[in-house]
Structures are given as structure tokens and as C-alpha cells.
Amino acid sequence: MSVKVVDHPSRGRLPAAALLARGRDLLLHRLAPRLEDLLNALDDDLFARAEAARTDRAQRAFFDAMRLLRLEREPILTRFTEELDAPPEEERAAQARETPESAFEKRVDALALLVDDALEERLAVTTMSQRVERDCELRLTLLRARIAHLLEQAPSPVACVPFEPRTVAGAFACAVTPLDLDPEVRLVVFKRFERAVLLEVADVYE
């Protein structure tokens, strides 16, 4: 099946930069509430896991994570939104030339996620991103083609939106990086993020 992106003429068309900014706002509008719901749901989830833990260490790790996520809920939401928002002016041109993978790697490396336990975390983030990319392959391909077409019209890559699954997952990784979470708990949090938030990008692509 061949798919062709058609440019439909219309009156009153918005400039390319405005369209891309609208796309970015749509992404944030759809994902931020889902992340807030996830953080609320994690409270019950972590409590249940703590109650079912077989060791004192595991139980303590889940209870500590539950309390920490309660305290850090607003900062997590803020960091997630900031990561997905437009980058600083001086970084835009360089970021526009980067692939989503290289941009993600750069952000993660900058936040020192390459310690032993974080290697497994980074693998989890990459794996869940790749699963979503496979599931949304056609939608994502069409979106990339449309954004590339818009960027040719824009005077500069000022509004390049962070629609890639890897970028969304990377934004969440950066948002929770400052938290002192047990590695096992962190992987549980990422798995829940994939199901509750990251899969939502399929509808955003549409």
C-alpha cells in the first residue's frame, strides 16, 4: 500500500511556524494531563507493591518512592513540560539537525544517566520508544513528512515540535532523573508511563 501526502489548498492557511507551534501545544495538552493521572495512579500502585513485597528492602523502596512522588509531583510535571517545550533560541538550529535518537542520547548523557543501574533504565526507555514507533509507524511517517514540508516553508526551524516517541520518553526520563528512586522502582514507573502516557501519542499523530 502506497501512501501519498497531499497538500490541500485552503483559504486562510496559518504560517508554517504557527502550525508547528499548534502541534506542539496539542502534544502538551494531551500528554500533560495523562502524566498527572499516572502520578496519581502510581500512589495506589506503589502502595500495593509495597504491601506485597517479600523483603523489607523492597517494601521500603516502594514506600519511599510513593512518598517521594507525592512530594515531587509538580516538579516532575514542570520538568516534563519544559523538556517538550521549544528549546532555547541558540539551540534550535543545532537540534533541528539532530535525529530524535541523537537528541535523546545527548539529553540523557548530560544528566549523567550512564551509571550502572541507569544503563538498564536507558535501555528500558529506548525499548518502549521503539515499541511505540513500530505500532505507530504509518502515522509517524506521515507526520514526519508533513513537518518536513512545513519546515521548508518556515524561515527557520524555530517551531520544530517534539513528536517523536523517543523524545517524549526522554522528556520523562529527564523529569524523574533528580529523584532518588530504587532501580527496580524506576523501571516500574517507566513501564507504567509507557502504558498510560506514551501510547497516547498515537492519537496525537492522527
N, C-alpha and C. Protein backbone atom coordinates (compact mmCIF):
# COMPACT_ATOMS: atom_id res chain seq x y z
N MET A 1 0.85 -1.19 0.00
CA MET A 1 0.00 0.00 0.00
C MET A 1 0.88 1.23 0.00
N SER A 2 0.71 2.08 -1.01
CA SER A 2 1.50 3.31 -1.09
C SER A 2 0.71 4.45 -0.49
N VAL A 3 1.38 5.31 0.23
CA VAL A 3 0.73 6.43 0.89
C VAL A 3 1.35 7.71 0.38
N LYS A 4 0.50 8.65 0.01
CA LYS A 4 0.98 9.91 -0.53
C LYS A 4 0.45 11.06 0.32
N VAL A 5 1.34 11.97 0.69
CA VAL A 5 0.93 13.15 1.45
C VAL A 5 0.52 14.22 0.46
N VAL A 6 -0.71 14.69 0.55
CA VAL A 6 -1.24 15.66 -0.40
C VAL A 6 -1.39 16.99 0.30
N ASP A 7 -0.96 18.04 -0.37
CA ASP A 7 -1.09 19.39 0.16
C ASP A 7 -2.41 19.96 -0.34
N HIS A 8 -3.41 20.06 0.54
CA HIS A 8 -4.72 20.56 0.13
C HIS A 8 -4.75 22.08 0.22
N PRO A 9 -5.11 22.75 -0.85
CA PRO A 9 -5.21 24.21 -0.79
C PRO A 9 -6.36 24.63 0.12
N SER A 10 -6.17 25.69 0.84
CA SER A 10 -7.25 26.19 1.70
C SER A 10 -7.05 27.67 1.91
N ARG A 11 -8.16 28.36 2.17
CA ARG A 11 -8.09 29.80 2.43
C ARG A 11 -7.71 30.04 3.89
N GLY A 12 -7.01 31.11 4.12
CA GLY A 12 -6.65 31.48 5.47
C GLY A 12 -5.69 30.52 6.14
N ARG A 13 -4.80 29.92 5.37
CA ARG A 13 -3.86 28.95 5.94
C ARG A 13 -2.90 29.65 6.90
N LEU A 14 -2.64 29.00 8.03
CA LEU A 14 -1.71 29.56 9.00
C LEU A 14 -0.27 29.41 8.51
N PRO A 15 0.64 30.31 8.92
CA PRO A 15 2.06 30.15 8.58
C PRO A 15 2.60 28.85 9.15
N ALA A 16 3.66 28.34 8.55
CA ALA A 16 4.23 27.06 8.97
C ALA A 16 4.61 27.07 10.45
N ALA A 17 5.26 28.13 10.90
CA ALA A 17 5.69 28.19 12.30
C ALA A 17 4.50 28.12 13.25
N ALA A 18 3.40 28.77 12.88
CA ALA A 18 2.21 28.76 13.73
C ALA A 18 1.59 27.37 13.77
N LEU A 19 1.59 26.67 12.64
CA LEU A 19 1.06 25.31 12.60
C LEU A 19 1.89 24.37 13.47
N LEU A 20 3.21 24.51 13.38
CA LEU A 20 4.07 23.65 14.18
C LEU A 20 3.94 23.96 15.67
N ALA A 21 3.78 25.24 16.00
CA ALA A 21 3.58 25.61 17.40
C ALA A 21 2.26 25.05 17.91
N ARG A 22 1.24 25.05 17.04
CA ARG A 22 -0.05 24.48 17.43
C ARG A 22 0.09 22.98 17.67
N GLY A 23 0.89 22.32 16.85
CA GLY A 23 1.13 20.90 17.05
C GLY A 23 1.81 20.61 18.37
N ARG A 24 2.80 21.44 18.71
CA ARG A 24 3.49 21.28 20.00
C ARG A 24 2.52 21.47 21.15
N ASP A 25 1.66 22.49 21.04
CA ASP A 25 0.70 22.75 22.11
C ASP A 25 -0.29 21.59 22.24
N LEU A 26 -0.68 21.01 21.11
CA LEU A 26 -1.58 19.86 21.15
C LEU A 26 -0.94 18.69 21.89
N LEU A 27 0.34 18.46 21.60
CA LEU A 27 1.05 17.37 22.28
C LEU A 27 1.05 17.58 23.79
N LEU A 28 1.40 18.77 24.22
CA LEU A 28 1.44 19.07 25.65
C LEU A 28 0.05 18.99 26.27
N HIS A 29 -0.95 19.46 25.53
CA HIS A 29 -2.32 19.46 26.04
C HIS A 29 -2.83 18.04 26.26
N ARG A 30 -2.40 17.11 25.40
CA ARG A 30 -2.86 15.74 25.51
C ARG A 30 -2.05 14.92 26.51
N LEU A 31 -0.74 15.17 26.57
CA LEU A 31 0.12 14.30 27.38
C LEU A 31 0.25 14.75 28.83
N ALA A 32 0.26 16.04 29.08
CA ALA A 32 0.45 16.53 30.45
C ALA A 32 -0.64 16.01 31.40
N PRO A 33 -1.93 16.06 31.02
CA PRO A 33 -2.95 15.51 31.93
C PRO A 33 -2.81 14.01 32.13
N ARG A 34 -2.37 13.30 31.09
CA ARG A 34 -2.18 11.86 31.23
C ARG A 34 -1.06 11.56 32.23
N LEU A 35 0.00 12.38 32.19
CA LEU A 35 1.09 12.20 33.14
C LEU A 35 0.61 12.49 34.56
N GLU A 36 -0.21 13.51 34.71
CA GLU A 36 -0.75 13.82 36.04
C GLU A 36 -1.60 12.67 36.56
N ASP A 37 -2.43 12.09 35.69
CA ASP A 37 -3.23 10.94 36.08
C ASP A 37 -2.34 9.75 36.46
N LEU A 38 -1.25 9.57 35.71
CA LEU A 38 -0.33 8.48 36.01
C LEU A 38 0.27 8.65 37.39
N LEU A 39 0.72 9.85 37.71
CA LEU A 39 1.34 10.07 39.02
C LEU A 39 0.34 9.82 40.15
N ASN A 40 -0.92 10.15 39.92
CA ASN A 40 -1.94 9.86 40.92
C ASN A 40 -2.14 8.35 41.07
N ALA A 41 -2.18 7.64 39.95
CA ALA A 41 -2.41 6.20 39.97
C ALA A 41 -1.21 5.46 40.57
N LEU A 42 -0.01 6.00 40.37
CA LEU A 42 1.18 5.35 40.91
C LEU A 42 1.15 5.27 42.42
N ASP A 43 0.47 6.19 43.05
CA ASP A 43 0.39 6.18 44.50
C ASP A 43 -0.22 4.87 44.99
N ASP A 44 -1.35 4.49 44.40
CA ASP A 44 -2.00 3.23 44.77
C ASP A 44 -1.18 2.02 44.33
N ASP A 45 -0.60 2.13 43.14
CA ASP A 45 0.18 1.01 42.60
C ASP A 45 1.39 0.69 43.49
N LEU A 46 2.13 1.72 43.85
CA LEU A 46 3.32 1.52 44.67
C LEU A 46 2.96 1.04 46.07
N PHE A 47 1.82 1.52 46.59
CA PHE A 47 1.38 1.05 47.91
C PHE A 47 1.06 -0.45 47.86
N ALA A 48 0.36 -0.88 46.79
CA ALA A 48 0.03 -2.29 46.65
C ALA A 48 1.29 -3.14 46.51
N ARG A 49 2.27 -2.64 45.75
CA ARG A 49 3.51 -3.38 45.58
C ARG A 49 4.29 -3.45 46.90
N ALA A 50 4.24 -2.39 47.68
CA ALA A 50 4.92 -2.40 48.98
C ALA A 50 4.28 -3.43 49.90
N GLU A 51 2.96 -3.48 49.89
CA GLU A 51 2.25 -4.44 50.74
C GLU A 51 2.56 -5.88 50.35
N ALA A 52 2.80 -6.09 49.05
CA ALA A 52 3.06 -7.45 48.55
C ALA A 52 4.55 -7.81 48.53
N ALA A 53 5.40 -6.86 48.88
CA ALA A 53 6.85 -7.10 48.82
C ALA A 53 7.26 -8.23 49.76
N ARG A 54 8.24 -9.01 49.31
CA ARG A 54 8.68 -10.17 50.08
C ARG A 54 9.86 -9.86 51.00
N THR A 55 10.47 -8.71 50.79
CA THR A 55 11.60 -8.34 51.65
C THR A 55 11.38 -6.94 52.22
N ASP A 56 12.01 -6.68 53.36
CA ASP A 56 11.90 -5.35 53.97
C ASP A 56 12.49 -4.28 53.05
N ARG A 57 13.58 -4.65 52.38
CA ARG A 57 14.22 -3.68 51.49
C ARG A 57 13.29 -3.26 50.36
N ALA A 58 12.64 -4.23 49.72
CA ALA A 58 11.74 -3.92 48.62
C ALA A 58 10.55 -3.11 49.11
N GLN A 59 10.02 -3.49 50.26
CA GLN A 59 8.88 -2.75 50.79
C GLN A 59 9.26 -1.30 51.08
N ARG A 60 10.42 -1.11 51.68
CA ARG A 60 10.88 0.24 51.99
C ARG A 60 11.09 1.05 50.70
N ALA A 61 11.62 0.41 49.67
CA ALA A 61 11.86 1.11 48.40
C ALA A 61 10.56 1.60 47.79
N PHE A 62 9.51 0.78 47.82
CA PHE A 62 8.23 1.18 47.25
C PHE A 62 7.56 2.27 48.08
N PHE A 63 7.63 2.15 49.40
CA PHE A 63 7.04 3.18 50.25
C PHE A 63 7.79 4.51 50.10
N ASP A 64 9.12 4.45 50.04
CA ASP A 64 9.91 5.67 49.85
C ASP A 64 9.58 6.34 48.52
N ALA A 65 9.43 5.51 47.47
CA ALA A 65 9.10 6.06 46.15
C ALA A 65 7.72 6.70 46.16
N MET A 66 6.79 6.07 46.84
CA MET A 66 5.43 6.61 46.94
C MET A 66 5.44 8.00 47.58
N ARG A 67 6.16 8.13 48.69
CA ARG A 67 6.24 9.43 49.36
C ARG A 67 6.96 10.46 48.51
N LEU A 68 8.05 10.03 47.84
CA LEU A 68 8.83 10.96 47.04
C LEU A 68 8.03 11.47 45.84
N LEU A 69 7.30 10.59 45.20
CA LEU A 69 6.50 11.01 44.05
C LEU A 69 5.37 11.96 44.46
N ARG A 70 4.85 11.78 45.66
CA ARG A 70 3.85 12.73 46.15
C ARG A 70 4.46 14.12 46.29
N LEU A 71 5.66 14.18 46.88
CA LEU A 71 6.32 15.46 47.12
C LEU A 71 6.77 16.13 45.82
N GLU A 72 7.19 15.30 44.85
CA GLU A 72 7.80 15.83 43.63
C GLU A 72 6.84 15.87 42.45
N ARG A 73 5.56 15.68 42.68
CA ARG A 73 4.60 15.61 41.58
C ARG A 73 4.64 16.85 40.69
N GLU A 74 4.53 18.02 41.28
CA GLU A 74 4.52 19.25 40.48
C GLU A 74 5.87 19.49 39.78
N PRO A 75 7.01 19.31 40.46
CA PRO A 75 8.28 19.46 39.73
C PRO A 75 8.44 18.49 38.57
N ILE A 76 7.94 17.26 38.72
CA ILE A 76 8.01 16.30 37.60
C ILE A 76 7.20 16.81 36.42
N LEU A 77 5.99 17.26 36.67
CA LEU A 77 5.15 17.79 35.60
C LEU A 77 5.80 18.99 34.93
N THR A 78 6.41 19.85 35.74
CA THR A 78 7.06 21.03 35.20
C THR A 78 8.25 20.66 34.33
N ARG A 79 9.09 19.76 34.82
CA ARG A 79 10.27 19.35 34.03
C ARG A 79 9.85 18.64 32.74
N PHE A 80 8.84 17.81 32.80
CA PHE A 80 8.36 17.11 31.61
C PHE A 80 7.89 18.11 30.56
N THR A 81 7.11 19.08 30.98
CA THR A 81 6.60 20.09 30.05
C THR A 81 7.73 20.92 29.47
N GLU A 82 8.68 21.30 30.30
CA GLU A 82 9.81 22.11 29.82
C GLU A 82 10.65 21.35 28.81
N GLU A 83 10.83 20.04 29.03
CA GLU A 83 11.61 19.24 28.10
C GLU A 83 10.94 19.15 26.74
N LEU A 84 9.61 19.13 26.72
CA LEU A 84 8.89 19.02 25.46
C LEU A 84 8.62 20.37 24.81
N ASP A 85 8.82 21.43 25.57
CA ASP A 85 8.57 22.76 25.03
C ASP A 85 9.71 23.17 24.11
N ALA A 86 9.53 24.30 23.45
CA ALA A 86 10.54 24.76 22.49
C ALA A 86 11.87 24.97 23.19
N PRO A 87 12.98 24.53 22.57
CA PRO A 87 14.31 24.73 23.17
C PRO A 87 14.72 26.19 23.09
N PRO A 88 15.78 26.57 23.83
CA PRO A 88 16.27 27.94 23.75
C PRO A 88 16.67 28.31 22.33
N GLU A 89 16.60 29.57 22.02
CA GLU A 89 16.84 30.06 20.66
C GLU A 89 18.19 29.60 20.11
N GLU A 90 19.22 29.66 20.93
CA GLU A 90 20.55 29.33 20.43
C GLU A 90 20.72 27.84 20.16
N GLU A 91 19.83 26.98 20.69
CA GLU A 91 19.96 25.55 20.48
C GLU A 91 19.10 25.04 19.34
N ARG A 92 18.21 25.85 18.82
CA ARG A 92 17.22 25.36 17.87
C ARG A 92 17.83 24.85 16.57
N ALA A 93 18.75 25.62 16.02
CA ALA A 93 19.34 25.21 14.75
C ALA A 93 20.08 23.89 14.87
N ALA A 94 20.85 23.74 15.96
CA ALA A 94 21.60 22.51 16.16
C ALA A 94 20.66 21.33 16.40
N GLN A 95 19.61 21.54 17.17
CA GLN A 95 18.69 20.45 17.45
C GLN A 95 17.94 20.03 16.20
N ALA A 96 17.63 20.98 15.32
CA ALA A 96 16.90 20.64 14.10
C ALA A 96 17.71 19.71 13.22
N ARG A 97 19.04 19.74 13.34
CA ARG A 97 19.89 18.88 12.52
C ARG A 97 20.10 17.51 13.16
N GLU A 98 19.71 17.36 14.42
CA GLU A 98 19.89 16.10 15.12
C GLU A 98 18.73 15.15 14.84
N THR A 99 19.03 13.87 14.83
CA THR A 99 17.97 12.88 14.77
C THR A 99 17.34 12.79 16.14
N PRO A 100 16.09 12.29 16.25
CA PRO A 100 15.49 12.13 17.57
C PRO A 100 16.36 11.29 18.49
N GLU A 101 17.03 10.26 17.94
CA GLU A 101 17.86 9.39 18.78
C GLU A 101 19.05 10.15 19.33
N SER A 102 19.74 10.92 18.46
CA SER A 102 20.91 11.63 18.95
C SER A 102 20.54 12.71 19.94
N ALA A 103 19.38 13.37 19.72
CA ALA A 103 18.94 14.39 20.66
C ALA A 103 18.63 13.77 22.02
N PHE A 104 18.01 12.60 22.00
CA PHE A 104 17.70 11.91 23.25
C PHE A 104 18.98 11.50 23.97
N GLU A 105 19.93 10.92 23.22
CA GLU A 105 21.18 10.48 23.82
C GLU A 105 21.91 11.66 24.45
N LYS A 106 21.88 12.79 23.78
CA LYS A 106 22.59 13.96 24.29
C LYS A 106 21.99 14.44 25.61
N ARG A 107 20.65 14.45 25.68
CA ARG A 107 19.99 14.89 26.90
C ARG A 107 20.25 13.93 28.05
N VAL A 108 20.15 12.65 27.75
CA VAL A 108 20.35 11.65 28.80
C VAL A 108 21.79 11.68 29.30
N ASP A 109 22.75 11.76 28.37
CA ASP A 109 24.15 11.81 28.77
C ASP A 109 24.43 13.03 29.64
N ALA A 110 23.84 14.15 29.27
CA ALA A 110 24.07 15.39 30.01
C ALA A 110 23.59 15.28 31.45
N LEU A 111 22.61 14.44 31.68
CA LEU A 111 22.06 14.29 33.02
C LEU A 111 22.68 13.11 33.77
N ALA A 112 23.79 12.60 33.26
CA ALA A 112 24.56 11.56 33.96
C ALA A 112 23.76 10.31 34.23
N LEU A 113 23.07 9.82 33.19
CA LEU A 113 22.30 8.59 33.34
C LEU A 113 23.11 7.36 32.96
N LEU A 114 24.43 7.49 32.90
CA LEU A 114 25.24 6.37 32.45
C LEU A 114 25.90 5.60 33.59
N VAL A 115 25.39 5.76 34.80
CA VAL A 115 25.87 4.92 35.89
C VAL A 115 25.30 3.52 35.69
N ASP A 116 25.82 2.55 36.42
CA ASP A 116 25.48 1.15 36.17
C ASP A 116 23.99 0.88 36.11
N ASP A 117 23.26 1.27 37.15
CA ASP A 117 21.83 1.00 37.18
C ASP A 117 21.09 1.76 36.08
N ALA A 118 21.59 2.92 35.69
CA ALA A 118 20.90 3.73 34.70
C ALA A 118 21.04 3.15 33.29
N LEU A 119 22.03 2.30 33.05
CA LEU A 119 22.13 1.66 31.74
C LEU A 119 20.88 0.82 31.46
N GLU A 120 20.42 0.12 32.47
CA GLU A 120 19.19 -0.66 32.32
C GLU A 120 18.00 0.26 32.13
N GLU A 121 18.01 1.37 32.83
CA GLU A 121 16.93 2.36 32.68
C GLU A 121 16.90 2.92 31.26
N ARG A 122 18.06 3.27 30.75
CA ARG A 122 18.12 3.82 29.40
C ARG A 122 17.65 2.80 28.36
N LEU A 123 18.02 1.56 28.58
CA LEU A 123 17.56 0.51 27.68
C LEU A 123 16.04 0.38 27.72
N ALA A 124 15.46 0.50 28.92
CA ALA A 124 14.00 0.42 29.04
C ALA A 124 13.33 1.56 28.30
N VAL A 125 13.88 2.77 28.40
CA VAL A 125 13.32 3.92 27.71
C VAL A 125 13.40 3.72 26.19
N THR A 126 14.56 3.25 25.72
CA THR A 126 14.74 3.02 24.29
C THR A 126 13.79 1.94 23.79
N THR A 127 13.64 0.87 24.55
CA THR A 127 12.80 -0.24 24.13
C THR A 127 11.34 0.17 24.03
N MET A 128 10.84 0.90 25.01
CA MET A 128 9.44 1.28 24.95
C MET A 128 9.20 2.29 23.83
N SER A 129 10.18 3.13 23.55
CA SER A 129 10.05 4.07 22.44
C SER A 129 9.97 3.33 21.11
N GLN A 130 10.80 2.33 20.95
CA GLN A 130 10.81 1.56 19.71
C GLN A 130 9.51 0.79 19.52
N ARG A 131 8.93 0.30 20.61
CA ARG A 131 7.64 -0.40 20.50
C ARG A 131 6.56 0.54 19.99
N VAL A 132 6.53 1.75 20.53
CA VAL A 132 5.52 2.71 20.11
C VAL A 132 5.76 3.12 18.66
N GLU A 133 7.02 3.30 18.27
CA GLU A 133 7.33 3.66 16.89
C GLU A 133 6.85 2.58 15.92
N ARG A 134 7.02 1.32 16.30
CA ARG A 134 6.54 0.23 15.44
C ARG A 134 5.02 0.24 15.34
N ASP A 135 4.36 0.45 16.47
CA ASP A 135 2.90 0.44 16.48
C ASP A 135 2.31 1.61 15.70
N CYS A 136 3.03 2.72 15.67
CA CYS A 136 2.51 3.94 15.02
C CYS A 136 3.28 4.28 13.75
N GLU A 137 3.87 3.29 13.12
CA GLU A 137 4.80 3.55 12.03
C GLU A 137 4.19 4.40 10.92
N LEU A 138 3.00 4.04 10.45
CA LEU A 138 2.40 4.78 9.34
C LEU A 138 2.05 6.20 9.75
N ARG A 139 1.41 6.35 10.90
CA ARG A 139 1.05 7.69 11.37
C ARG A 139 2.28 8.56 11.56
N LEU A 140 3.32 7.98 12.13
CA LEU A 140 4.54 8.74 12.39
C LEU A 140 5.23 9.12 11.09
N THR A 141 5.21 8.23 10.10
CA THR A 141 5.82 8.53 8.81
C THR A 141 5.12 9.70 8.14
N LEU A 142 3.80 9.69 8.17
CA LEU A 142 3.03 10.79 7.57
C LEU A 142 3.30 12.10 8.30
N LEU A 143 3.37 12.04 9.63
CA LEU A 143 3.62 13.25 10.39
C LEU A 143 5.00 13.82 10.09
N ARG A 144 6.00 12.94 10.00
CA ARG A 144 7.35 13.41 9.68
C ARG A 144 7.37 14.09 8.31
N ALA A 145 6.65 13.51 7.35
CA ALA A 145 6.62 14.09 6.01
C ALA A 145 5.98 15.47 6.03
N ARG A 146 4.90 15.61 6.78
CA ARG A 146 4.22 16.91 6.85
C ARG A 146 5.08 17.96 7.56
N ILE A 147 5.75 17.56 8.64
CA ILE A 147 6.60 18.51 9.35
C ILE A 147 7.78 18.92 8.47
N ALA A 148 8.36 17.97 7.75
CA ALA A 148 9.46 18.30 6.85
C ALA A 148 9.00 19.30 5.79
N HIS A 149 7.79 19.11 5.28
CA HIS A 149 7.24 20.04 4.29
C HIS A 149 7.04 21.43 4.90
N LEU A 150 6.54 21.49 6.13
CA LEU A 150 6.32 22.77 6.78
C LEU A 150 7.63 23.48 7.07
N LEU A 151 8.65 22.72 7.47
CA LEU A 151 9.93 23.35 7.79
C LEU A 151 10.59 23.96 6.57
N GLU A 152 10.27 23.45 5.39
CA GLU A 152 10.79 24.05 4.17
C GLU A 152 10.18 25.43 3.94
N GLN A 153 8.95 25.62 4.45
CA GLN A 153 8.29 26.91 4.29
C GLN A 153 8.68 27.91 5.38
N ALA A 154 9.03 27.37 6.56
CA ALA A 154 9.32 28.25 7.68
C ALA A 154 10.64 28.99 7.47
N PRO A 155 10.75 30.26 7.92
CA PRO A 155 12.00 30.99 7.78
C PRO A 155 13.15 30.39 8.57
N SER A 156 12.83 29.65 9.64
CA SER A 156 13.85 28.97 10.44
C SER A 156 13.17 27.81 11.14
N PRO A 157 13.97 26.82 11.62
CA PRO A 157 13.37 25.68 12.32
C PRO A 157 12.95 26.03 13.74
N VAL A 158 12.29 27.18 13.89
CA VAL A 158 12.01 27.72 15.20
C VAL A 158 10.99 26.90 15.97
N ALA A 159 10.09 26.21 15.26
CA ALA A 159 8.98 25.56 15.96
C ALA A 159 8.98 24.05 15.77
N CYS A 160 10.13 23.47 15.56
CA CYS A 160 10.19 22.03 15.36
C CYS A 160 9.66 21.32 16.61
N VAL A 161 8.59 20.55 16.44
CA VAL A 161 7.90 20.01 17.60
C VAL A 161 8.42 18.64 18.01
N PRO A 162 8.40 18.34 19.29
CA PRO A 162 8.96 17.09 19.79
C PRO A 162 7.95 15.96 19.76
N PHE A 163 7.57 15.50 18.56
CA PHE A 163 6.55 14.47 18.45
C PHE A 163 7.10 13.05 18.54
N GLU A 164 8.40 12.87 18.38
CA GLU A 164 8.95 11.53 18.33
C GLU A 164 8.74 10.79 19.66
N PRO A 165 8.38 9.50 19.62
CA PRO A 165 8.22 8.74 20.87
C PRO A 165 9.46 8.77 21.74
N ARG A 166 10.63 8.71 21.12
CA ARG A 166 11.88 8.72 21.89
C ARG A 166 12.06 10.05 22.61
N THR A 167 11.62 11.14 21.98
CA THR A 167 11.74 12.44 22.62
C THR A 167 10.80 12.55 23.81
N VAL A 168 9.57 12.02 23.65
CA VAL A 168 8.60 12.05 24.74
C VAL A 168 9.11 11.19 25.91
N ALA A 169 9.60 10.00 25.59
CA ALA A 169 10.13 9.12 26.64
C ALA A 169 11.36 9.76 27.30
N GLY A 170 12.21 10.40 26.48
CA GLY A 170 13.39 11.07 27.03
C GLY A 170 13.02 12.22 27.94
N ALA A 171 11.94 12.92 27.61
CA ALA A 171 11.48 14.03 28.47
C ALA A 171 11.06 13.51 29.83
N PHE A 172 10.41 12.35 29.84
CA PHE A 172 10.01 11.77 31.13
C PHE A 172 11.23 11.30 31.91
N ALA A 173 12.17 10.68 31.21
CA ALA A 173 13.39 10.24 31.89
C ALA A 173 14.10 11.42 32.54
N CYS A 174 14.18 12.54 31.83
CA CYS A 174 14.81 13.73 32.40
C CYS A 174 14.00 14.28 33.57
N ALA A 175 12.68 14.14 33.50
CA ALA A 175 11.82 14.67 34.56
C ALA A 175 11.99 13.92 35.87
N VAL A 176 12.27 12.61 35.79
CA VAL A 176 12.40 11.82 37.02
C VAL A 176 13.86 11.56 37.41
N THR A 177 14.80 12.00 36.59
CA THR A 177 16.21 11.79 36.89
C THR A 177 16.64 12.31 38.26
N PRO A 178 16.19 13.50 38.69
CA PRO A 178 16.64 14.01 40.00
C PRO A 178 16.13 13.19 41.19
N LEU A 179 15.16 12.30 40.98
CA LEU A 179 14.58 11.56 42.09
C LEU A 179 15.46 10.37 42.48
N ASP A 180 15.62 10.18 43.77
CA ASP A 180 16.42 9.07 44.27
C ASP A 180 15.53 7.83 44.40
N LEU A 181 15.27 7.18 43.26
CA LEU A 181 14.41 6.01 43.22
C LEU A 181 15.24 4.74 43.10
N ASP A 182 14.80 3.69 43.77
CA ASP A 182 15.42 2.39 43.61
C ASP A 182 15.31 1.97 42.14
N PRO A 183 16.36 1.36 41.56
CA PRO A 183 16.32 0.99 40.14
C PRO A 183 15.11 0.14 39.77
N GLU A 184 14.73 -0.79 40.63
CA GLU A 184 13.55 -1.62 40.33
C GLU A 184 12.29 -0.77 40.30
N VAL A 185 12.16 0.16 41.21
CA VAL A 185 11.00 1.04 41.25
C VAL A 185 10.98 1.93 40.02
N ARG A 186 12.14 2.43 39.63
CA ARG A 186 12.22 3.31 38.47
C ARG A 186 11.74 2.60 37.20
N LEU A 187 12.09 1.34 37.05
CA LEU A 187 11.65 0.59 35.88
C LEU A 187 10.14 0.35 35.91
N VAL A 188 9.59 0.15 37.10
CA VAL A 188 8.13 0.03 37.23
C VAL A 188 7.46 1.33 36.79
N VAL A 189 8.01 2.44 37.22
CA VAL A 189 7.46 3.76 36.86
C VAL A 189 7.51 3.96 35.34
N PHE A 190 8.62 3.57 34.72
CA PHE A 190 8.73 3.72 33.26
C PHE A 190 7.72 2.85 32.52
N LYS A 191 7.52 1.64 33.02
CA LYS A 191 6.57 0.75 32.36
C LYS A 191 5.16 1.32 32.44
N ARG A 192 4.82 1.87 33.57
CA ARG A 192 3.50 2.49 33.71
C ARG A 192 3.39 3.73 32.81
N PHE A 193 4.48 4.46 32.68
CA PHE A 193 4.49 5.63 31.79
C PHE A 193 4.20 5.21 30.34
N GLU A 194 4.81 4.12 29.93
CA GLU A 194 4.59 3.65 28.56
C GLU A 194 3.11 3.37 28.32
N ARG A 195 2.47 2.66 29.23
CA ARG A 195 1.08 2.27 29.03
C ARG A 195 0.12 3.44 29.18
N ALA A 196 0.40 4.34 30.13
CA ALA A 196 -0.56 5.39 30.45
C ALA A 196 -0.36 6.68 29.67
N VAL A 197 0.87 6.94 29.22
CA VAL A 197 1.17 8.23 28.58
C VAL A 197 1.72 8.06 27.17
N LEU A 198 2.78 7.29 27.03
CA LEU A 198 3.48 7.24 25.75
C LEU A 198 2.58 6.70 24.63
N LEU A 199 1.73 5.73 24.91
CA LEU A 199 0.86 5.19 23.87
C LEU A 199 -0.16 6.23 23.40
N GLU A 200 -0.34 7.29 24.17
CA GLU A 200 -1.26 8.34 23.79
C GLU A 200 -0.80 9.10 22.54
N VAL A 201 0.49 9.04 22.24
CA VAL A 201 0.99 9.80 21.08
C VAL A 201 0.39 9.30 19.78
N ALA A 202 -0.08 8.06 19.74
CA ALA A 202 -0.70 7.54 18.51
C ALA A 202 -1.88 8.42 18.11
N ASP A 203 -2.71 8.79 19.08
CA ASP A 203 -3.85 9.65 18.78
C ASP A 203 -3.42 11.07 18.44
N VAL A 204 -2.34 11.52 19.06
CA VAL A 204 -1.82 12.86 18.74
C VAL A 204 -1.34 12.88 17.28
N TYR A 205 -0.67 11.82 16.84
CA TYR A 205 -0.24 11.75 15.45
C TYR A 205 -1.43 11.85 14.50
N GLU A 206 -2.48 11.15 14.81
CA GLU A 206 -3.67 11.16 13.97
C GLU A 206 -4.28 12.57 13.88
